[in-house]
């Protein structure tokens, strides 16, 4: 049950057919990587991006995005925010809110 919640295998009806699904995922990853390389190139390459702290900013943006999804409940994390009782105060430890 936990794997089915976190890995979301239901997004592909037949994972053993694979080819189309894997191709789509590969294309999406390739496109995202290409965009990132273009963004770094626009800043003068790796050294230029480091001077403007581009990489640090991207890491912080992604971290905040992840944290907002996690705390908002739109990103199900089995141990942290899923299957909690309705009267749960929000804290991870008993008695904390």
Foldseek 3Di string as FASTA:
>chain_A
DQCCQQVVPVVDVDCVVPPVVVVVVVVVVVVVVVVVQVVCVVLPHPVSCVVVVVVVVVVVVVVVVVVCCVQVVVRDDPQQDPPDDPPDPRDNDPPDD
